C-alpha atoms as a PDB file:
ATOM      1  CA  MET A   1      -6.875   2.074  -9.815  1.00  0.00           C
ATOM      2  CA  TYR A   2      -5.701   2.162 -13.434  1.00  0.00           C
ATOM      3  CA  GLU A   3      -3.273  -0.692 -12.742  1.00  0.00           C
ATOM      4  CA  MET A   4      -5.974  -2.753 -11.025  1.00  0.00           C
ATOM      5  CA  LEU A   5      -8.332  -2.351 -13.974  1.00  0.00           C
ATOM      6  CA  ALA A   6      -5.863  -2.376 -16.878  1.00  0.00           C
ATOM      7  CA  GLY A   7      -3.182  -4.684 -15.487  1.00  0.00           C
ATOM      8  CA  GLN A   8      -0.358  -2.260 -16.232  1.00  0.00           C
ATOM      9  CA  PRO A   9       0.672   1.241 -15.177  1.00  0.00           C
ATOM     10  CA  PRO A  10      -0.706   4.228 -17.104  1.00  0.00           C
ATOM     11  CA  PHE A  11       2.792   5.641 -17.621  1.00  0.00           C
ATOM     12  CA  GLU A  12       6.092   3.875 -18.170  1.00  0.00           C
ATOM     13  CA  ALA A  13       9.641   5.122 -18.604  1.00  0.00           C
ATOM     14  CA  ASP A  14      13.230   3.983 -18.215  1.00  0.00           C
ATOM     15  CA  ASN A  15      14.015   6.427 -15.420  1.00  0.00           C
ATOM     16  CA  GLU A  16      12.302   8.664 -12.889  1.00  0.00           C
ATOM     17  CA  ASP A  17      12.804  11.906 -14.843  1.00  0.00           C
ATOM     18  CA  ASP A  18      11.256  10.438 -17.991  1.00  0.00           C
ATOM     19  CA  LEU A  19       8.402   9.002 -15.932  1.00  0.00           C
ATOM     20  CA  PHE A  20       7.600  12.419 -14.447  1.00  0.00           C
ATOM     21  CA  GLU A  21       7.793  13.948 -17.924  1.00  0.00           C
ATOM     22  CA  SER A  22       5.373  11.309 -19.202  1.00  0.00           C
ATOM     23  CA  ILE A  23       2.954  11.907 -16.320  1.00  0.00           C
ATOM     24  CA  MET A  24       2.941  15.640 -16.976  1.00  0.00           C
ATOM     25  CA  ASN A  25       2.667  15.558 -20.773  1.00  0.00           C
ATOM     26  CA  ASP A  26       1.497  12.235 -22.195  1.00  0.00           C
ATOM     27  CA  GLU A  27      -2.082  11.164 -22.754  1.00  0.00           C
ATOM     28  CA  VAL A  28      -3.229   7.965 -21.063  1.00  0.00           C
ATOM     29  CA  LEU A  29      -4.290   5.104 -23.321  1.00  0.00           C
ATOM     30  CA  TYR A  30      -7.202   2.975 -22.108  1.00  0.00           C
ATOM     31  CA  PRO A  31      -7.716  -0.678 -23.041  1.00  0.00           C
ATOM     32  CA  VAL A  32     -10.739  -1.116 -25.312  1.00  0.00           C
ATOM     33  CA  TRP A  33     -12.272  -3.677 -22.956  1.00  0.00           C
ATOM     34  CA  LEU A  34     -12.683  -1.209 -20.055  1.00  0.00           C
ATOM     35  CA  THR A  35     -16.266  -0.068 -19.526  1.00  0.00           C
ATOM     36  CA  LYS A  36     -17.331   3.482 -20.302  1.00  0.00           C
ATOM     37  CA  ASN A  37     -17.718   4.200 -16.562  1.00  0.00           C
ATOM     38  CA  ALA A  38     -14.278   2.737 -15.792  1.00  0.00           C
ATOM     39  CA  VAL A  39     -12.599   4.929 -18.413  1.00  0.00           C
ATOM     40  CA  ASN A  40     -14.550   7.955 -17.216  1.00  0.00           C
ATOM     41  CA  ILE A  41     -13.569   7.594 -13.561  1.00  0.00           C
ATOM     42  CA  LEU A  42      -9.935   6.951 -14.483  1.00  0.00           C
ATOM     43  CA  GLU A  43      -9.885  10.040 -16.696  1.00  0.00           C
ATOM     44  CA  MET A  44     -11.401  12.065 -13.872  1.00  0.00           C
ATOM     45  CA  PHE A  45      -8.844  10.749 -11.357  1.00  0.00           C
ATOM     46  CA  MET A  46      -5.960  11.495 -13.707  1.00  0.00           C
ATOM     47  CA  THR A  47      -7.000  15.009 -14.658  1.00  0.00           C
ATOM     48  CA  LYS A  48      -3.758  16.997 -14.786  1.00  0.00           C
ATOM     49  CA  LYS A  49      -5.152  20.038 -12.943  1.00  0.00           C
ATOM     50  CA  PRO A  50      -5.676  19.063  -9.274  1.00  0.00           C
ATOM     51  CA  ALA A  51      -8.585  21.474  -8.767  1.00  0.00           C
ATOM     52  CA  ARG A  52     -10.525  19.706 -11.535  1.00  0.00           C
ATOM     53  CA  ARG A  53      -9.616  16.165 -10.394  1.00  0.00           C
ATOM     54  CA  LEU A  54     -12.396  13.890  -9.129  1.00  0.00           C
ATOM     55  CA  GLY A  55     -12.628  14.164  -5.359  1.00  0.00           C
ATOM     56  CA  CYS A  56     -10.716  17.440  -5.194  1.00  0.00           C
ATOM     57  CA  GLY A  57     -13.437  19.801  -6.337  1.00  0.00           C
ATOM     58  CA  SER A  58     -16.647  21.029  -4.786  1.00  0.00           C
ATOM     59  CA  GLY A  59     -18.122  17.536  -4.423  1.00  0.00           C
ATOM     60  CA  GLY A  60     -15.144  16.264  -2.427  1.00  0.00           C
ATOM     61  CA  GLU A  61     -15.131  12.545  -1.695  1.00  0.00           C
ATOM     62  CA  GLY A  62     -18.865  12.398  -2.357  1.00  0.00           C
ATOM     63  CA  ALA A  63     -18.152  12.931  -6.046  1.00  0.00           C
ATOM     64  CA  ILE A  64     -16.150   9.703  -5.989  1.00  0.00           C
ATOM     65  CA  LEU A  65     -18.717   7.748  -3.977  1.00  0.00           C
ATOM     66  CA  HIS A  66     -21.549   8.790  -6.303  1.00  0.00           C
ATOM     67  CA  HIS A  67     -19.710   8.222  -9.583  1.00  0.00           C
ATOM     68  CA  PRO A  68     -21.568   5.739 -11.855  1.00  0.00           C
ATOM     69  CA  PHE A  69     -18.563   3.368 -11.680  1.00  0.00           C
ATOM     70  CA  PHE A  70     -19.494   2.693  -8.044  1.00  0.00           C
ATOM     71  CA  GLU A  71     -23.282   2.578  -8.514  1.00  0.00           C
ATOM     72  CA  SER A  72     -23.461  -1.045  -7.349  1.00  0.00           C
ATOM     73  CA  VAL A  73     -21.476  -0.381  -4.150  1.00  0.00           C
ATOM     74  CA  ASP A  74     -23.429  -0.074  -0.910  1.00  0.00           C
ATOM     75  CA  TRP A  75     -20.968   2.182   0.897  1.00  0.00           C
ATOM     76  CA  LYS A  76     -22.754   1.957   4.256  1.00  0.00           C
ATOM     77  CA  SER A  77     -22.717  -1.860   4.244  1.00  0.00           C
ATOM     78  CA  LEU A  78     -19.109  -1.826   3.086  1.00  0.00           C
ATOM     79  CA  GLU A  79     -18.111   0.482   5.930  1.00  0.00           C
ATOM     80  CA  GLU A  80     -19.962  -1.751   8.399  1.00  0.00           C
ATOM     81  CA  LYS A  81     -18.078  -4.791   6.997  1.00  0.00           C
ATOM     82  CA  LYS A  82     -21.332  -6.447   5.933  1.00  0.00           C
ATOM     83  CA  VAL A  83     -20.276  -6.966   2.303  1.00  0.00           C
ATOM     84  CA  GLU A  84     -18.977 -10.383   1.279  1.00  0.00           C
ATOM     85  CA  PRO A  85     -15.791 -10.055  -0.787  1.00  0.00           C
ATOM     86  CA  PRO A  86     -16.177 -11.309  -4.362  1.00  0.00           C
ATOM     87  CA  PHE A  87     -13.019 -13.405  -3.963  1.00  0.00           C
ATOM     88  CA  LYS A  88     -11.578 -15.043  -0.874  1.00  0.00           C
ATOM     89  CA  PRO A  89      -8.170 -16.625  -1.391  1.00  0.00           C
ATOM     90  CA  SER A  90      -7.774 -20.105   0.008  1.00  0.00           C
ATOM     91  CA  VAL A  91      -5.196 -20.223   2.803  1.00  0.00           C
ATOM     92  CA  LYS A  92      -4.153 -23.160   4.966  1.00  0.00           C
ATOM     93  CA  ASN A  93      -2.833 -21.078   7.881  1.00  0.00           C
ATOM     94  CA  ILE A  94      -1.427 -17.631   8.668  1.00  0.00           C
ATOM     95  CA  TYR A  95       1.948 -18.630   7.193  1.00  0.00           C
ATOM     96  CA  ASP A  96       0.563 -19.874   3.866  1.00  0.00           C
ATOM     97  CA  THR A  97       2.153 -17.891   1.031  1.00  0.00           C
ATOM     98  CA  THR A  98       0.875 -19.925  -1.928  1.00  0.00           C
ATOM     99  CA  ASN A  99      -1.081 -16.896  -3.175  1.00  0.00           C
ATOM    100  CA  PHE A 100       2.105 -14.838  -3.524  1.00  0.00           C
ATOM    101  CA  ASP A 101       4.473 -14.978  -6.479  1.00  0.00           C
ATOM    102  CA  SER A 102       7.408 -17.310  -5.773  1.00  0.00           C
ATOM    103  CA  ASP A 103       9.842 -14.697  -7.139  1.00  0.00           C
ATOM    104  CA  PHE A 104       8.793 -12.559  -4.186  1.00  0.00           C
ATOM    105  CA  THR A 105       8.631 -15.273  -1.507  1.00  0.00           C
ATOM    106  CA  ARG A 106      12.125 -16.560  -2.364  1.00  0.00           C
ATOM    107  CA  MET A 107      13.630 -13.153  -1.618  1.00  0.00           C
ATOM    108  CA  SER A 108      15.364 -12.654   1.713  1.00  0.00           C
ATOM    109  CA  PRO A 109      13.701  -9.947   3.777  1.00  0.00           C
ATOM    110  CA  ARG A 110      15.906  -6.934   4.419  1.00  0.00           C
ATOM    111  CA  PHE A 111      15.533  -3.409   5.651  1.00  0.00           C
ATOM    112  CA  THR A 112      16.120  -0.580   3.246  1.00  0.00           C
ATOM    113  CA  PRO A 113      19.302   1.131   4.417  1.00  0.00           C
ATOM    114  CA  ILE A 114      18.877   4.697   5.591  1.00  0.00           C
ATOM    115  CA  PRO A 115      21.539   7.048   4.208  1.00  0.00           C
ATOM    116  CA  SER A 116      23.494   8.447   7.153  1.00  0.00           C
ATOM    117  CA  GLN A 117      22.808  12.077   6.231  1.00  0.00           C
ATOM    118  CA  SER A 118      19.029  11.602   5.895  1.00  0.00           C
ATOM    119  CA  LEU A 119      18.333  11.938   9.597  1.00  0.00           C
ATOM    120  CA  ALA A 120      20.621  14.932   9.980  1.00  0.00           C
ATOM    121  CA  ALA A 121      18.753  16.707   7.167  1.00  0.00           C
ATOM    122  CA  ILE A 122      15.400  16.400   8.961  1.00  0.00           C
ATOM    123  CA  ASN A 123      14.387  19.355  11.125  1.00  0.00           C
ATOM    124  CA  GLN A 124      15.064  17.794  14.518  1.00  0.00           C
ATOM    125  CA  SER A 125      13.050  20.419  16.423  1.00  0.00           C
ATOM    126  CA  GLU A 126       9.936  18.570  15.197  1.00  0.00           C
ATOM    127  CA  PHE A 127      10.892  15.758  17.586  1.00  0.00           C
ATOM    128  CA  ARG A 128      11.509  17.896  20.682  1.00  0.00           C
ATOM    129  CA  GLY A 129      10.128  16.080  23.693  1.00  0.00           C
ATOM    130  CA  PHE A 130      10.268  12.587  22.219  1.00  0.00           C
ATOM    131  CA  SER A 131      11.643  10.149  24.769  1.00  0.00           C
ATOM    132  CA  PHE A 132      12.835   7.356  22.470  1.00  0.00           C
ATOM    133  CA  VAL A 133      16.009   7.347  20.415  1.00  0.00           C
ATOM    134  CA  ASN A 134      16.837   4.347  18.247  1.00  0.00           C
ATOM    135  CA  SER A 135      20.427   3.572  19.204  1.00  0.00           C
ATOM    136  CA  ALA A 136      21.147   2.262  15.702  1.00  0.00           C
ATOM    137  CA  TYR A 137      20.753   5.810  14.358  1.00  0.00           C
ATOM    138  CA  SER A 138      21.466   8.056  17.313  1.00  0.00           C
ATOM    139  CA  GLY A 139      25.159   8.262  16.419  1.00  0.00           C
ATOM    140  CA  SER A 140      24.377  10.027  13.156  1.00  0.00           C
ATOM    141  CA  ILE A 141      22.542  12.896  14.838  1.00  0.00           C
ATOM    142  CA  LYS A 142      23.180  15.201  17.741  1.00  0.00           C
ATOM    143  CA  SER A 143      21.313  14.407  20.944  1.00  0.00           C
ATOM    144  CA  LYS A 144      20.649  16.677  23.886  1.00  0.00           C
ATOM    145  CA  PRO A 145      18.317  16.439  26.877  1.00  0.00           C
ATOM    146  CA  ALA A 146      14.683  17.298  26.269  1.00  0.00           C
ATOM    147  CA  THR A 147      13.435  20.573  27.665  1.00  0.00           C
ATOM    148  CA  SER A 148       9.719  19.965  27.199  1.00  0.00           C
ATOM    149  CA  PRO A 149       7.989  19.863  30.606  1.00  0.00           C
ATOM    150  CA  SER A 150       4.958  18.082  29.152  1.00  0.00           C
ATOM    151  CA  VAL A 151       6.849  14.868  28.406  1.00  0.00           C
ATOM    152  CA  GLN A 152       7.823  12.571  31.244  1.00  0.00           C
ATOM    153  CA  SER A 153      10.793  10.357  30.512  1.00  0.00           C
ATOM    154  CA  THR A 154      11.243   6.903  31.993  1.00  0.00           C
ATOM    155  CA  SER A 155      14.359   5.824  33.809  1.00  0.00           C
ATOM    156  CA  SER A 156      15.069   3.094  31.250  1.00  0.00           C
ATOM    157  CA  VAL A 157      14.821   5.380  28.233  1.00  0.00           C
ATOM    158  CA  PRO A 158      16.653   8.699  28.378  1.00  0.00           C
ATOM    159  CA  SER A 159      14.671  11.715  27.231  1.00  0.00           C
ATOM    160  CA  THR A 160      16.409  13.398  24.310  1.00  0.00           C
ATOM    161  CA  ASP A 161      15.815  15.647  21.377  1.00  0.00           C
ATOM    162  CA  LEU A 162      17.067  14.097  18.185  1.00  0.00           C
END
């Protein structure tokens, strides 16, 4: 929410360790043009102690919904999809990407590679009874027949534990 309102992240660092250090210890600076209610809700969301954070205390999500920042929001109408969005981007068709940054749209899509040991490190008993094994990854983990009687396997997909 801070980034949506301020246009930049509340914490910045050159590496992950420094970022975590900044999150834990640094004070957040708020642009002077943010409203009092915007600053207040952001401060309440970014309270360091989780038990005191907005939405985590005794009021739960209701504390968020009733915060003065959202006083103009009709939550019931929003939930029922009766609220007109304040901005509707113009699109020619479902493939129109003119509203996306060209630096992004010029990139070739690719899957993030999964390190071979990642799957082996996951507790495989959590998947007991699953009937699908992605053959692209099944070589990196041990497979054995499922023993769960509650799962019916199909003839085209062998039933295995990962």
